[in-house]
N, C-alpha and C. Protein backbone atom coordinates (compact mmCIF):
# COMPACT_ATOMS: atom_id res chain seq x y z
N UNK A 1 -108.99 125.00 -61.74
CA UNK A 1 -107.96 124.56 -60.82
C UNK A 1 -108.23 123.14 -60.34
N UNK A 2 -109.48 122.69 -60.40
CA UNK A 2 -109.79 121.34 -59.96
C UNK A 2 -109.07 120.28 -60.78
N UNK A 3 -108.96 120.50 -62.09
CA UNK A 3 -108.26 119.53 -62.94
C UNK A 3 -106.79 119.44 -62.54
N UNK A 4 -106.19 120.59 -62.29
CA UNK A 4 -104.78 120.62 -61.89
C UNK A 4 -104.59 119.94 -60.54
N UNK A 5 -105.49 120.19 -59.61
CA UNK A 5 -105.42 119.56 -58.28
C UNK A 5 -105.51 118.04 -58.41
N UNK A 6 -106.45 117.57 -59.22
CA UNK A 6 -106.60 116.11 -59.41
C UNK A 6 -105.35 115.53 -60.06
N UNK A 7 -104.79 116.25 -61.02
CA UNK A 7 -103.58 115.77 -61.68
C UNK A 7 -102.43 115.65 -60.69
N UNK A 8 -102.24 116.67 -59.88
CA UNK A 8 -101.15 116.67 -58.89
C UNK A 8 -101.37 115.58 -57.85
N UNK A 9 -102.61 115.37 -57.43
CA UNK A 9 -102.91 114.33 -56.44
C UNK A 9 -102.52 112.94 -56.94
N UNK A 10 -102.54 112.73 -58.24
CA UNK A 10 -102.26 111.41 -58.80
C UNK A 10 -100.79 111.21 -59.18
N UNK A 11 -99.94 112.20 -58.96
CA UNK A 11 -98.53 112.08 -59.31
C UNK A 11 -97.73 111.38 -58.21
N UNK A 12 -96.70 110.68 -58.64
CA UNK A 12 -95.80 110.03 -57.68
C UNK A 12 -94.86 111.08 -57.09
N UNK A 13 -94.15 110.70 -56.04
CA UNK A 13 -93.21 111.63 -55.41
C UNK A 13 -92.12 112.05 -56.41
N UNK A 14 -91.65 111.09 -57.21
CA UNK A 14 -90.63 111.38 -58.21
C UNK A 14 -91.15 112.41 -59.22
N UNK A 15 -92.36 112.20 -59.70
CA UNK A 15 -92.95 113.13 -60.66
C UNK A 15 -93.20 114.51 -60.05
N UNK A 16 -93.58 114.53 -58.78
CA UNK A 16 -93.79 115.82 -58.09
C UNK A 16 -92.48 116.59 -58.00
N UNK A 17 -91.38 115.89 -57.72
CA UNK A 17 -90.08 116.55 -57.64
C UNK A 17 -89.66 117.10 -59.01
N UNK A 18 -89.89 116.32 -60.05
CA UNK A 18 -89.57 116.78 -61.40
C UNK A 18 -90.43 117.99 -61.78
N UNK A 19 -91.69 117.95 -61.42
CA UNK A 19 -92.60 119.06 -61.69
C UNK A 19 -92.16 120.32 -60.95
N UNK A 20 -91.75 120.14 -59.70
CA UNK A 20 -91.28 121.28 -58.91
C UNK A 20 -90.03 121.89 -59.53
N UNK A 21 -89.13 121.03 -59.99
CA UNK A 21 -87.90 121.51 -60.63
C UNK A 21 -88.24 122.30 -61.90
N UNK A 22 -89.16 121.77 -62.71
CA UNK A 22 -89.59 122.48 -63.92
C UNK A 22 -90.24 123.81 -63.59
N UNK A 23 -90.98 123.84 -62.52
CA UNK A 23 -91.63 125.08 -62.08
C UNK A 23 -90.59 126.12 -61.68
N UNK A 24 -89.58 125.68 -60.94
CA UNK A 24 -88.54 126.60 -60.47
C UNK A 24 -87.66 127.12 -61.60
N UNK A 25 -87.43 126.31 -62.63
CA UNK A 25 -86.57 126.74 -63.74
C UNK A 25 -87.33 127.52 -64.81
N UNK A 26 -88.64 127.58 -64.69
CA UNK A 26 -89.44 128.36 -65.64
C UNK A 26 -89.91 127.57 -66.85
N UNK A 27 -89.64 126.27 -66.88
CA UNK A 27 -90.05 125.46 -68.02
C UNK A 27 -91.57 125.37 -68.16
N UNK A 28 -92.26 125.31 -67.05
CA UNK A 28 -93.72 125.21 -67.10
C UNK A 28 -94.32 126.51 -67.65
N UNK A 29 -93.77 127.63 -67.22
CA UNK A 29 -94.26 128.92 -67.73
C UNK A 29 -94.05 129.02 -69.24
N UNK A 30 -92.89 128.58 -69.71
CA UNK A 30 -92.60 128.60 -71.15
C UNK A 30 -93.58 127.71 -71.90
N UNK A 31 -93.84 126.53 -71.36
CA UNK A 31 -94.77 125.60 -71.98
C UNK A 31 -96.17 126.20 -72.07
N UNK A 32 -96.63 126.78 -70.97
CA UNK A 32 -97.97 127.38 -70.94
C UNK A 32 -98.04 128.56 -71.90
N UNK A 33 -97.02 129.40 -71.92
CA UNK A 33 -97.02 130.55 -72.83
C UNK A 33 -97.04 130.11 -74.29
N UNK A 34 -96.29 129.05 -74.62
CA UNK A 34 -96.28 128.54 -75.99
C UNK A 34 -97.65 128.01 -76.39
N UNK A 35 -98.29 127.26 -75.49
CA UNK A 35 -99.62 126.72 -75.79
C UNK A 35 -100.65 127.83 -75.94
N UNK A 36 -100.57 128.86 -75.08
CA UNK A 36 -101.49 129.99 -75.19
C UNK A 36 -101.30 130.72 -76.52
N UNK A 37 -100.07 130.88 -76.95
CA UNK A 37 -99.80 131.54 -78.24
C UNK A 37 -100.38 130.72 -79.38
N UNK A 38 -100.22 129.40 -79.32
CA UNK A 38 -100.79 128.53 -80.35
C UNK A 38 -102.30 128.67 -80.40
N UNK A 39 -102.94 128.71 -79.23
CA UNK A 39 -104.41 128.85 -79.18
C UNK A 39 -104.84 130.19 -79.76
N UNK A 40 -104.10 131.27 -79.43
CA UNK A 40 -104.43 132.59 -79.97
C UNK A 40 -104.33 132.60 -81.49
N UNK A 41 -103.29 131.96 -82.01
CA UNK A 41 -103.11 131.91 -83.46
C UNK A 41 -104.21 131.10 -84.12
N UNK A 42 -104.60 130.00 -83.50
CA UNK A 42 -105.69 129.19 -84.04
C UNK A 42 -106.98 129.99 -84.07
N UNK A 43 -107.31 130.65 -82.98
CA UNK A 43 -108.55 131.42 -82.89
C UNK A 43 -108.53 132.61 -83.84
N UNK A 44 -107.38 133.25 -83.97
CA UNK A 44 -107.27 134.46 -84.79
C UNK A 44 -107.47 134.15 -86.27
N UNK A 45 -107.00 133.02 -86.71
CA UNK A 45 -107.02 132.70 -88.13
C UNK A 45 -108.20 131.83 -88.53
N UNK A 46 -109.32 131.96 -87.88
CA UNK A 46 -110.50 131.17 -88.22
C UNK A 46 -111.43 131.89 -89.18
N UNK A 47 -111.21 133.19 -89.41
CA UNK A 47 -112.09 133.98 -90.26
C UNK A 47 -111.24 134.75 -91.27
N UNK A 48 -111.68 134.74 -92.52
CA UNK A 48 -110.99 135.47 -93.57
C UNK A 48 -111.14 136.97 -93.31
N UNK A 49 -110.04 137.74 -93.30
CA UNK A 49 -110.13 139.18 -93.01
C UNK A 49 -110.80 139.98 -94.12
N UNK A 50 -110.95 139.41 -95.30
CA UNK A 50 -111.55 140.13 -96.42
C UNK A 50 -113.06 139.91 -96.48
N UNK A 51 -113.48 138.64 -96.53
CA UNK A 51 -114.91 138.35 -96.73
C UNK A 51 -115.61 137.84 -95.47
N UNK A 52 -114.85 137.65 -94.40
CA UNK A 52 -115.38 137.20 -93.10
C UNK A 52 -115.94 135.78 -93.11
N UNK A 53 -115.63 134.98 -94.12
CA UNK A 53 -116.10 133.60 -94.13
C UNK A 53 -115.16 132.73 -93.30
N UNK A 54 -115.65 131.58 -92.91
CA UNK A 54 -114.85 130.66 -92.09
C UNK A 54 -113.66 130.13 -92.89
N UNK A 55 -112.56 129.97 -92.19
CA UNK A 55 -111.34 129.45 -92.82
C UNK A 55 -111.30 127.95 -92.63
N UNK A 56 -111.00 127.25 -93.73
CA UNK A 56 -110.84 125.80 -93.67
C UNK A 56 -109.35 125.50 -93.55
N UNK A 57 -109.03 124.26 -93.34
CA UNK A 57 -107.63 123.88 -93.16
C UNK A 57 -106.79 124.13 -94.41
N UNK A 58 -107.41 124.16 -95.59
CA UNK A 58 -106.67 124.38 -96.83
C UNK A 58 -106.57 125.86 -97.17
N UNK A 59 -106.44 126.70 -96.20
CA UNK A 59 -106.41 128.15 -96.43
C UNK A 59 -105.04 128.60 -96.93
N UNK A 60 -105.01 129.83 -97.41
CA UNK A 60 -103.76 130.48 -97.81
C UNK A 60 -103.33 131.39 -96.68
N UNK A 61 -102.07 131.38 -96.34
CA UNK A 61 -101.58 132.20 -95.22
C UNK A 61 -100.52 133.17 -95.72
N UNK A 62 -100.53 134.36 -95.13
CA UNK A 62 -99.57 135.40 -95.48
C UNK A 62 -98.98 135.94 -94.19
N UNK A 63 -97.66 135.97 -94.12
CA UNK A 63 -96.97 136.57 -92.98
C UNK A 63 -96.35 137.86 -93.48
N UNK A 64 -96.67 138.97 -92.82
CA UNK A 64 -96.24 140.27 -93.31
C UNK A 64 -95.93 141.21 -92.16
N UNK A 65 -95.32 142.35 -92.50
CA UNK A 65 -95.00 143.36 -91.51
C UNK A 65 -93.52 143.44 -91.23
N UNK A 66 -93.10 144.49 -90.52
CA UNK A 66 -91.68 144.64 -90.19
C UNK A 66 -91.21 143.52 -89.26
N UNK A 67 -89.92 143.31 -89.22
CA UNK A 67 -89.33 142.17 -88.49
C UNK A 67 -89.83 142.04 -87.06
N UNK A 68 -89.98 143.12 -86.33
CA UNK A 68 -90.40 143.02 -84.94
C UNK A 68 -91.90 142.90 -84.74
N UNK A 69 -92.67 143.16 -85.79
CA UNK A 69 -94.13 143.16 -85.66
C UNK A 69 -94.79 142.29 -86.72
N UNK A 70 -94.26 141.13 -86.96
CA UNK A 70 -94.83 140.23 -87.96
C UNK A 70 -96.26 139.86 -87.60
N UNK A 71 -97.11 139.79 -88.63
CA UNK A 71 -98.50 139.38 -88.46
C UNK A 71 -98.79 138.26 -89.44
N UNK A 72 -99.77 137.45 -89.10
CA UNK A 72 -100.16 136.35 -89.97
C UNK A 72 -101.64 136.49 -90.27
N UNK A 73 -101.99 136.38 -91.54
CA UNK A 73 -103.38 136.42 -91.95
C UNK A 73 -103.66 135.20 -92.81
N UNK A 74 -104.82 134.59 -92.60
CA UNK A 74 -105.23 133.44 -93.40
C UNK A 74 -106.42 133.85 -94.26
N UNK A 75 -106.42 133.37 -95.50
CA UNK A 75 -107.45 133.74 -96.46
C UNK A 75 -108.15 132.49 -96.97
N UNK A 76 -109.45 132.62 -97.25
CA UNK A 76 -110.24 131.47 -97.67
C UNK A 76 -109.98 131.07 -99.11
N UNK A 77 -109.57 132.04 -99.94
CA UNK A 77 -109.35 131.76 -101.36
C UNK A 77 -108.35 132.75 -101.95
N UNK A 78 -107.89 132.45 -103.14
CA UNK A 78 -106.90 133.27 -103.80
C UNK A 78 -107.41 134.68 -104.08
N UNK A 79 -108.69 134.82 -104.43
CA UNK A 79 -109.21 136.16 -104.72
C UNK A 79 -109.17 137.07 -103.49
N UNK A 80 -109.42 136.53 -102.32
CA UNK A 80 -109.34 137.33 -101.09
C UNK A 80 -107.90 137.73 -100.79
N UNK A 81 -106.97 136.82 -101.01
CA UNK A 81 -105.55 137.14 -100.82
C UNK A 81 -105.12 138.24 -101.78
N UNK A 82 -105.52 138.13 -103.05
CA UNK A 82 -105.18 139.15 -104.05
C UNK A 82 -105.78 140.50 -103.68
N UNK A 83 -107.02 140.51 -103.24
CA UNK A 83 -107.68 141.75 -102.83
C UNK A 83 -106.91 142.40 -101.68
N UNK A 84 -106.53 141.60 -100.70
CA UNK A 84 -105.77 142.10 -99.55
C UNK A 84 -104.43 142.70 -100.00
N UNK A 85 -103.71 141.99 -100.85
CA UNK A 85 -102.42 142.48 -101.33
C UNK A 85 -102.57 143.77 -102.13
N UNK A 86 -103.62 143.88 -102.94
CA UNK A 86 -103.87 145.12 -103.69
C UNK A 86 -104.13 146.28 -102.74
N UNK A 87 -104.88 146.04 -101.67
CA UNK A 87 -105.16 147.10 -100.69
C UNK A 87 -103.87 147.53 -99.98
N UNK A 88 -103.02 146.58 -99.65
CA UNK A 88 -101.74 146.91 -99.03
C UNK A 88 -100.90 147.75 -99.98
N UNK A 89 -100.87 147.35 -101.25
CA UNK A 89 -100.12 148.09 -102.26
C UNK A 89 -100.65 149.52 -102.40
N UNK A 90 -101.97 149.68 -102.44
CA UNK A 90 -102.58 151.01 -102.55
C UNK A 90 -102.24 151.87 -101.34
N UNK A 91 -102.26 151.28 -100.17
CA UNK A 91 -101.94 152.01 -98.95
C UNK A 91 -100.49 152.50 -98.98
N UNK A 92 -99.58 151.63 -99.42
CA UNK A 92 -98.17 152.02 -99.51
C UNK A 92 -97.97 153.14 -100.53
N UNK A 93 -98.67 153.06 -101.65
CA UNK A 93 -98.55 154.09 -102.69
C UNK A 93 -99.06 155.44 -102.20
N UNK A 94 -100.12 155.44 -101.40
CA UNK A 94 -100.67 156.68 -100.86
C UNK A 94 -99.69 157.34 -99.89
N UNK A 95 -98.94 156.54 -99.16
CA UNK A 95 -97.96 157.07 -98.20
C UNK A 95 -96.80 157.76 -98.90
N UNK A 96 -96.49 157.29 -100.11
CA UNK A 96 -95.34 157.86 -100.85
C UNK A 96 -95.78 159.05 -101.59
């Protein structure tokens, strides 16, 4: 909270009024929620779900799942992505 207090202390009256308006309309909450979601996605996709190795920026990403429950997985290499897809296919075949 100290960083926020220092930031607010250094704002002009005009900026404080704009900030208050954004707070009242919910824009600040939306901004914070969006940034938190981005951070969660960054943290979540740092490890390959198949081999548990660190993910580099050149990773492969897969978005899957039903429309309301989409998930994103990042893979370190093509072989891990193929392994994952084969496991998903096997799971679906067992259900049928």
